[in-house]
Amino acid sequence: MTKNATDETHKTEDAKTEGQTARFNDILPEPPPGAKPAAVAEAAAETPTGQNEEYERLRAERDGLFERLARLQAEFDNARKREQRERADYRAFAVADAVEQFLPVLDNFKLALDSKGTAEQLRTGVELIAKQMDEVLRGLNVTPVETVGQPFDPRLHEALESVERTDLPDHQVIDEIRRGYRIKERLLRPALVRISVNPNVSEA
């Protein structure tokens, strides 16, 4: 075979190789400059150096999460303690305000005990003190529970005794033994009362 024929054969084979390479490049485009093929990246991750880097990254992420959790826990504890202190302070101020209003009542009780007046004068003084105490309670939004003449209400009254009465409605409060109180709509303690039992109404 002549030299020219050999050169032509090589040129034809080179053209075929370039055409195949072009077709493969169309199917699998070349990665951008500087990018590592996936197989190379996976192989790098599987190397001891890659594993150490991944371990350090995960450990740093874990430490960051633990630090954040500890900080949030500390903030929560501080907020809870602050809320408890504020509640205790508010209660102390409320109690101090109430006690301050009762001090004049206590002063008048001591004056009544030291009084050398008659029994009638002492009774009058105690009645004035009781009236003063009622005014202080009203200032604190504490009001007595209505009793005598009212229908018995188990939410407000506690029946100590029932008395048979045909001249009164059944289950009506006829006597107050111990006064009950409520602050606004909240019951502080029920009133201790006697109630009527009308046998005529009960039998009917």
C-alpha atoms as a PDB file:
ATOM      1  CA  MET A   1       0.000   0.000   0.000  1.00  0.00           C
ATOM      2  CA  THR A   2       1.277   3.399  -0.865  1.00  0.00           C
ATOM      3  CA  LYS A   3       2.020   6.141   1.561  1.00  0.00           C
ATOM      4  CA  ASN A   4      -0.860   8.283   0.275  1.00  0.00           C
ATOM      5  CA  ALA A   5      -3.339   5.446   0.681  1.00  0.00           C
ATOM      6  CA  THR A   6      -2.207   4.910   4.276  1.00  0.00           C
ATOM      7  CA  ASP A   7      -2.634   8.584   5.130  1.00  0.00           C
ATOM      8  CA  GLU A   8      -6.139   8.597   3.702  1.00  0.00           C
ATOM      9  CA  THR A   9      -7.065   5.567   5.807  1.00  0.00           C
ATOM     10  CA  HIS A  10      -5.816   7.273   9.006  1.00  0.00           C
ATOM     11  CA  LYS A  11      -7.748  10.425   8.193  1.00  0.00           C
ATOM     12  CA  THR A  12     -10.949   8.426   7.727  1.00  0.00           C
ATOM     13  CA  GLU A  13     -10.522   6.656  11.096  1.00  0.00           C
ATOM     14  CA  ASP A  14      -9.762   9.928  12.876  1.00  0.00           C
ATOM     15  CA  ALA A  15     -12.926  11.464  11.427  1.00  0.00           C
ATOM     16  CA  LYS A  16     -15.003   8.546  12.690  1.00  0.00           C
ATOM     17  CA  THR A  17     -13.494   8.861  16.179  1.00  0.00           C
ATOM     18  CA  GLU A  18     -14.192  12.615  16.295  1.00  0.00           C
ATOM     19  CA  GLY A  19     -17.799  12.021  15.214  1.00  0.00           C
ATOM     20  CA  GLN A  20     -18.350   9.451  17.966  1.00  0.00           C
ATOM     21  CA  THR A  21     -16.799  11.784  20.531  1.00  0.00           C
ATOM     22  CA  ALA A  22     -19.120  14.589  19.450  1.00  0.00           C
ATOM     23  CA  ARG A  23     -22.167  12.343  19.818  1.00  0.00           C
ATOM     24  CA  PHE A  24     -21.096  11.293  23.349  1.00  0.00           C
ATOM     25  CA  ASN A  25     -20.517  14.931  24.283  1.00  0.00           C
ATOM     26  CA  ASP A  26     -24.048  15.775  23.143  1.00  0.00           C
ATOM     27  CA  ILE A  27     -25.460  13.069  25.430  1.00  0.00           C
ATOM     28  CA  LEU A  28     -23.102  13.717  28.388  1.00  0.00           C
ATOM     29  CA  PRO A  29     -22.057  17.388  28.361  1.00  0.00           C
ATOM     30  CA  GLU A  30     -18.747  18.224  29.889  1.00  0.00           C
ATOM     31  CA  PRO A  31     -18.834  19.533  33.480  1.00  0.00           C
ATOM     32  CA  PRO A  32     -18.107  23.222  34.056  1.00  0.00           C
ATOM     33  CA  PRO A  33     -14.488  24.211  34.648  1.00  0.00           C
ATOM     34  CA  GLY A  34     -13.330  23.360  38.172  1.00  0.00           C
ATOM     35  CA  ALA A  35     -16.231  20.973  38.882  1.00  0.00           C
ATOM     36  CA  LYS A  36     -15.456  17.444  40.045  1.00  0.00           C
ATOM     37  CA  PRO A  37     -17.272  14.528  38.467  1.00  0.00           C
ATOM     38  CA  ALA A  38     -19.785  12.806  40.784  1.00  0.00           C
ATOM     39  CA  ALA A  39     -17.739   9.657  40.890  1.00  0.00           C
ATOM     40  CA  VAL A  40     -14.685  11.661  41.911  1.00  0.00           C
ATOM     41  CA  ALA A  41     -16.655  13.520  44.622  1.00  0.00           C
ATOM     42  CA  GLU A  42     -18.013  10.287  46.017  1.00  0.00           C
ATOM     43  CA  ALA A  43     -14.602   8.749  45.989  1.00  0.00           C
ATOM     44  CA  ALA A  44     -13.205  11.791  47.805  1.00  0.00           C
ATOM     45  CA  ALA A  45     -15.941  11.513  50.450  1.00  0.00           C
ATOM     46  CA  GLU A  46     -15.052   7.887  50.957  1.00  0.00           C
ATOM     47  CA  THR A  47     -11.416   8.685  51.599  1.00  0.00           C
ATOM     48  CA  PRO A  48     -10.254   9.129  55.242  1.00  0.00           C
ATOM     49  CA  THR A  49      -9.793  12.855  54.664  1.00  0.00           C
ATOM     50  CA  GLY A  50     -13.326  13.254  53.299  1.00  0.00           C
ATOM     51  CA  GLN A  51     -14.807  11.239  56.164  1.00  0.00           C
ATOM     52  CA  ASN A  52     -12.982  13.360  58.740  1.00  0.00           C
ATOM     53  CA  GLU A  53     -14.244  16.555  57.153  1.00  0.00           C
ATOM     54  CA  GLU A  54     -17.830  15.247  57.166  1.00  0.00           C
ATOM     55  CA  TYR A  55     -17.482  14.132  60.778  1.00  0.00           C
ATOM     56  CA  GLU A  56     -16.155  17.515  61.853  1.00  0.00           C
ATOM     57  CA  ARG A  57     -19.000  19.275  60.035  1.00  0.00           C
ATOM     58  CA  LEU A  58     -21.648  17.110  61.701  1.00  0.00           C
ATOM     59  CA  ARG A  59     -20.016  17.520  65.112  1.00  0.00           C
ATOM     60  CA  ALA A  60     -19.905  21.296  64.719  1.00  0.00           C
ATOM     61  CA  GLU A  61     -23.585  21.285  63.710  1.00  0.00           C
ATOM     62  CA  ARG A  62     -24.462  19.139  66.733  1.00  0.00           C
ATOM     63  CA  ASP A  63     -22.499  21.379  69.106  1.00  0.00           C
ATOM     64  CA  GLY A  64     -24.274  24.410  67.662  1.00  0.00           C
ATOM     65  CA  LEU A  65     -27.682  22.831  68.262  1.00  0.00           C
ATOM     66  CA  PHE A  66     -26.757  21.899  71.846  1.00  0.00           C
ATOM     67  CA  GLU A  67     -25.540  25.432  72.496  1.00  0.00           C
ATOM     68  CA  ARG A  68     -28.751  26.889  71.113  1.00  0.00           C
ATOM     69  CA  LEU A  69     -30.858  24.503  73.209  1.00  0.00           C
ATOM     70  CA  ALA A  70     -28.936  25.405  76.360  1.00  0.00           C
ATOM     71  CA  ARG A  71     -29.402  29.118  75.624  1.00  0.00           C
ATOM     72  CA  LEU A  72     -33.150  28.690  75.081  1.00  0.00           C
ATOM     73  CA  GLN A  73     -33.425  26.667  78.299  1.00  0.00           C
ATOM     74  CA  ALA A  74     -31.621  29.380  80.245  1.00  0.00           C
ATOM     75  CA  GLU A  75     -33.868  32.070  78.767  1.00  0.00           C
ATOM     76  CA  PHE A  76     -36.971  30.031  79.672  1.00  0.00           C
ATOM     77  CA  ASP A  77     -35.769  29.525  83.266  1.00  0.00           C
ATOM     78  CA  ASN A  78     -35.026  33.233  83.633  1.00  0.00           C
ATOM     79  CA  ALA A  79     -38.462  34.167  82.274  1.00  0.00           C
ATOM     80  CA  ARG A  80     -40.166  31.714  84.643  1.00  0.00           C
ATOM     81  CA  LYS A  81     -38.262  33.026  87.668  1.00  0.00           C
ATOM     82  CA  ARG A  82     -38.998  36.619  86.653  1.00  0.00           C
ATOM     83  CA  GLU A  83     -42.717  35.810  86.326  1.00  0.00           C
ATOM     84  CA  GLN A  84     -42.712  34.197  89.785  1.00  0.00           C
ATOM     85  CA  ARG A  85     -40.994  37.223  91.319  1.00  0.00           C
ATOM     86  CA  GLU A  86     -43.437  39.608  89.670  1.00  0.00           C
ATOM     87  CA  ARG A  87     -46.384  37.537  90.885  1.00  0.00           C
ATOM     88  CA  ALA A  88     -45.008  37.448  94.430  1.00  0.00           C
ATOM     89  CA  ASP A  89     -44.370  41.201  94.357  1.00  0.00           C
ATOM     90  CA  TYR A  90     -47.878  41.889  93.059  1.00  0.00           C
ATOM     91  CA  ARG A  91     -49.393  39.727  95.785  1.00  0.00           C
ATOM     92  CA  ALA A  92     -47.291  41.435  98.451  1.00  0.00           C
ATOM     93  CA  PHE A  93     -48.405  44.884  97.243  1.00  0.00           C
ATOM     94  CA  ALA A  94     -52.059  43.762  97.150  1.00  0.00           C
ATOM     95  CA  VAL A  95     -51.875  42.350 100.680  1.00  0.00           C
ATOM     96  CA  ALA A  96     -50.091  45.464 101.945  1.00  0.00           C
ATOM     97  CA  ASP A  97     -52.808  47.693 100.470  1.00  0.00           C
ATOM     98  CA  ALA A  98     -55.572  45.628 102.109  1.00  0.00           C
ATOM     99  CA  VAL A  99     -53.806  45.489 105.490  1.00  0.00           C
ATOM    100  CA  GLU A 100     -53.227  49.234 105.424  1.00  0.00           C
ATOM    101  CA  GLN A 101     -56.969  49.820 105.117  1.00  0.00           C
ATOM    102  CA  PHE A 102     -57.700  47.533 108.092  1.00  0.00           C
ATOM    103  CA  LEU A 103     -55.212  49.201 110.432  1.00  0.00           C
ATOM    104  CA  PRO A 104     -57.623  51.988 111.504  1.00  0.00           C
ATOM    105  CA  VAL A 105     -60.207  49.298 112.312  1.00  0.00           C
ATOM    106  CA  LEU A 106     -57.676  47.516 114.516  1.00  0.00           C
ATOM    107  CA  ASP A 107     -56.826  50.803 116.224  1.00  0.00           C
ATOM    108  CA  ASN A 108     -60.492  51.378 117.067  1.00  0.00           C
ATOM    109  CA  PHE A 109     -60.833  47.851 118.443  1.00  0.00           C
ATOM    110  CA  LYS A 110     -57.937  48.525 120.822  1.00  0.00           C
ATOM    111  CA  LEU A 111     -59.500  51.818 121.881  1.00  0.00           C
ATOM    112  CA  ALA A 112     -62.768  50.005 122.584  1.00  0.00           C
ATOM    113  CA  LEU A 113     -60.974  47.400 124.706  1.00  0.00           C
ATOM    114  CA  ASP A 114     -59.245  50.142 126.722  1.00  0.00           C
ATOM    115  CA  SER A 115     -62.488  52.049 127.160  1.00  0.00           C
ATOM    116  CA  LYS A 116     -63.923  52.433 130.673  1.00  0.00           C
ATOM    117  CA  GLY A 117     -67.419  53.252 129.491  1.00  0.00           C
ATOM    118  CA  THR A 118     -70.652  51.393 130.134  1.00  0.00           C
ATOM    119  CA  ALA A 119     -71.724  48.219 128.343  1.00  0.00           C
ATOM    120  CA  GLU A 120     -74.085  50.259 126.168  1.00  0.00           C
ATOM    121  CA  GLN A 121     -71.288  52.647 125.188  1.00  0.00           C
ATOM    122  CA  LEU A 122     -69.041  49.686 124.398  1.00  0.00           C
ATOM    123  CA  ARG A 123     -71.753  48.127 122.232  1.00  0.00           C
ATOM    124  CA  THR A 124     -72.207  51.385 120.334  1.00  0.00           C
ATOM    125  CA  GLY A 125     -68.463  51.619 119.749  1.00  0.00           C
ATOM    126  CA  VAL A 126     -68.288  48.032 118.449  1.00  0.00           C
ATOM    127  CA  GLU A 127     -71.200  48.710 116.100  1.00  0.00           C
ATOM    128  CA  LEU A 128     -69.331  51.695 114.686  1.00  0.00           C
ATOM    129  CA  ILE A 129     -66.215  49.563 114.222  1.00  0.00           C
ATOM    130  CA  ALA A 130     -68.235  46.861 112.428  1.00  0.00           C
ATOM    131  CA  LYS A 131     -69.676  49.545 110.148  1.00  0.00           C
ATOM    132  CA  GLN A 132     -66.169  50.828 109.473  1.00  0.00           C
ATOM    133  CA  MET A 133     -65.015  47.306 108.600  1.00  0.00           C
ATOM    134  CA  ASP A 134     -67.919  46.875 106.182  1.00  0.00           C
ATOM    135  CA  GLU A 135     -66.863  50.090 104.433  1.00  0.00           C
ATOM    136  CA  VAL A 136     -63.300  48.807 104.104  1.00  0.00           C
ATOM    137  CA  LEU A 137     -64.573  45.532 102.631  1.00  0.00           C
ATOM    138  CA  ARG A 138     -66.733  47.391 100.127  1.00  0.00           C
ATOM    139  CA  GLY A 139     -63.656  49.371  99.106  1.00  0.00           C
ATOM    140  CA  LEU A 140     -61.997  46.028  98.348  1.00  0.00           C
ATOM    141  CA  ASN A 141     -65.042  44.919  96.305  1.00  0.00           C
ATOM    142  CA  VAL A 142     -66.025  42.428  99.009  1.00  0.00           C
ATOM    143  CA  THR A 143     -69.781  42.283  99.596  1.00  0.00           C
ATOM    144  CA  PRO A 144     -71.909  40.111 101.911  1.00  0.00           C
ATOM    145  CA  VAL A 145     -74.079  37.347 100.532  1.00  0.00           C
ATOM    146  CA  GLU A 146     -77.800  38.143 100.799  1.00  0.00           C
ATOM    147  CA  THR A 147     -79.510  35.696 103.135  1.00  0.00           C
ATOM    148  CA  VAL A 148     -82.647  36.367 105.187  1.00  0.00           C
ATOM    149  CA  GLY A 149     -85.788  36.370 103.042  1.00  0.00           C
ATOM    150  CA  GLN A 150     -83.973  34.938 100.019  1.00  0.00           C
ATOM    151  CA  PRO A 151     -84.646  31.507  98.483  1.00  0.00           C
ATOM    152  CA  PHE A 152     -82.049  28.971  99.551  1.00  0.00           C
ATOM    153  CA  ASP A 153     -79.260  28.797  96.955  1.00  0.00           C
ATOM    154  CA  PRO A 154     -76.729  25.969  97.510  1.00  0.00           C
ATOM    155  CA  ARG A 155     -74.198  27.943  95.471  1.00  0.00           C
ATOM    156  CA  LEU A 156     -74.264  30.760  98.045  1.00  0.00           C
ATOM    157  CA  HIS A 157     -75.767  29.265 101.212  1.00  0.00           C
ATOM    158  CA  GLU A 158     -74.927  26.361 103.477  1.00  0.00           C
ATOM    159  CA  ALA A 159     -77.924  25.078 105.447  1.00  0.00           C
ATOM    160  CA  LEU A 160     -77.100  24.324 109.061  1.00  0.00           C
ATOM    161  CA  GLU A 161     -80.667  23.598 110.136  1.00  0.00           C
ATOM    162  CA  SER A 162     -84.148  23.387 108.648  1.00  0.00           C
ATOM    163  CA  VAL A 163     -87.181  24.618 110.601  1.00  0.00           C
ATOM    164  CA  GLU A 164     -90.756  23.610 109.850  1.00  0.00           C
ATOM    165  CA  ARG A 165     -92.767  26.716 109.021  1.00  0.00           C
ATOM    166  CA  THR A 166     -96.198  26.731 107.405  1.00  0.00           C
ATOM    167  CA  ASP A 167     -96.278  30.515 107.136  1.00  0.00           C
ATOM    168  CA  LEU A 168     -93.222  30.764 104.914  1.00  0.00           C
ATOM    169  CA  PRO A 169     -92.305  29.467 101.433  1.00  0.00           C
ATOM    170  CA  ASP A 170     -90.459  26.197 101.320  1.00  0.00           C
ATOM    171  CA  HIS A 171     -86.654  26.462 101.437  1.00  0.00           C
ATOM    172  CA  GLN A 172     -86.484  30.132 102.326  1.00  0.00           C
ATOM    173  CA  VAL A 173     -83.616  31.515 104.423  1.00  0.00           C
ATOM    174  CA  ILE A 174     -85.015  32.550 107.783  1.00  0.00           C
ATOM    175  CA  ASP A 175     -81.856  33.207 109.794  1.00  0.00           C
ATOM    176  CA  GLU A 176     -78.192  33.973 109.185  1.00  0.00           C
ATOM    177  CA  ILE A 177     -75.734  32.228 111.486  1.00  0.00           C
ATOM    178  CA  ARG A 178     -72.511  33.237 109.761  1.00  0.00           C
ATOM    179  CA  ARG A 179     -72.240  35.860 107.074  1.00  0.00           C
ATOM    180  CA  GLY A 180     -70.934  34.833 103.679  1.00  0.00           C
ATOM    181  CA  TYR A 181     -68.845  37.006 101.412  1.00  0.00           C
ATOM    182  CA  ARG A 182     -67.893  37.255  97.774  1.00  0.00           C
ATOM    183  CA  ILE A 183     -65.474  39.456  95.904  1.00  0.00           C
ATOM    184  CA  LYS A 184     -67.161  40.667  92.743  1.00  0.00           C
ATOM    185  CA  GLU A 185     -68.605  37.456  91.260  1.00  0.00           C
ATOM    186  CA  ARG A 186     -66.307  35.051  93.112  1.00  0.00           C
ATOM    187  CA  LEU A 187     -67.615  33.426  96.303  1.00  0.00           C
ATOM    188  CA  LEU A 188     -65.149  33.713  99.193  1.00  0.00           C
ATOM    189  CA  ARG A 189     -67.224  31.633 101.582  1.00  0.00           C
ATOM    190  CA  PRO A 190     -70.897  30.592 101.707  1.00  0.00           C
ATOM    191  CA  ALA A 191     -73.302  31.963 104.273  1.00  0.00           C
ATOM    192  CA  LEU A 192     -74.288  29.582 107.069  1.00  0.00           C
ATOM    193  CA  VAL A 193     -78.096  29.773 107.419  1.00  0.00           C
ATOM    194  CA  ARG A 194     -81.306  28.222 108.694  1.00  0.00           C
ATOM    195  CA  ILE A 195     -84.034  27.517 106.174  1.00  0.00           C
ATOM    196  CA  SER A 196     -87.749  26.921 106.340  1.00  0.00           C
ATOM    197  CA  VAL A 197     -89.446  23.679 105.387  1.00  0.00           C
ATOM    198  CA  ASN A 198     -93.129  24.051 104.572  1.00  0.00           C
ATOM    199  CA  PRO A 199     -94.746  20.599 104.850  1.00  0.00           C
ATOM    200  CA  ASN A 200     -97.758  21.710 102.852  1.00  0.00           C
ATOM    201  CA  VAL A 201     -95.589  22.699  99.876  1.00  0.00           C
ATOM    202  CA  SER A 202     -93.356  19.646 100.283  1.00  0.00           C
ATOM    203  CA  GLU A 203     -96.317  17.211 100.265  1.00  0.00           C
ATOM    204  CA  ALA A 204     -97.869  18.938  97.272  1.00  0.00           C
END
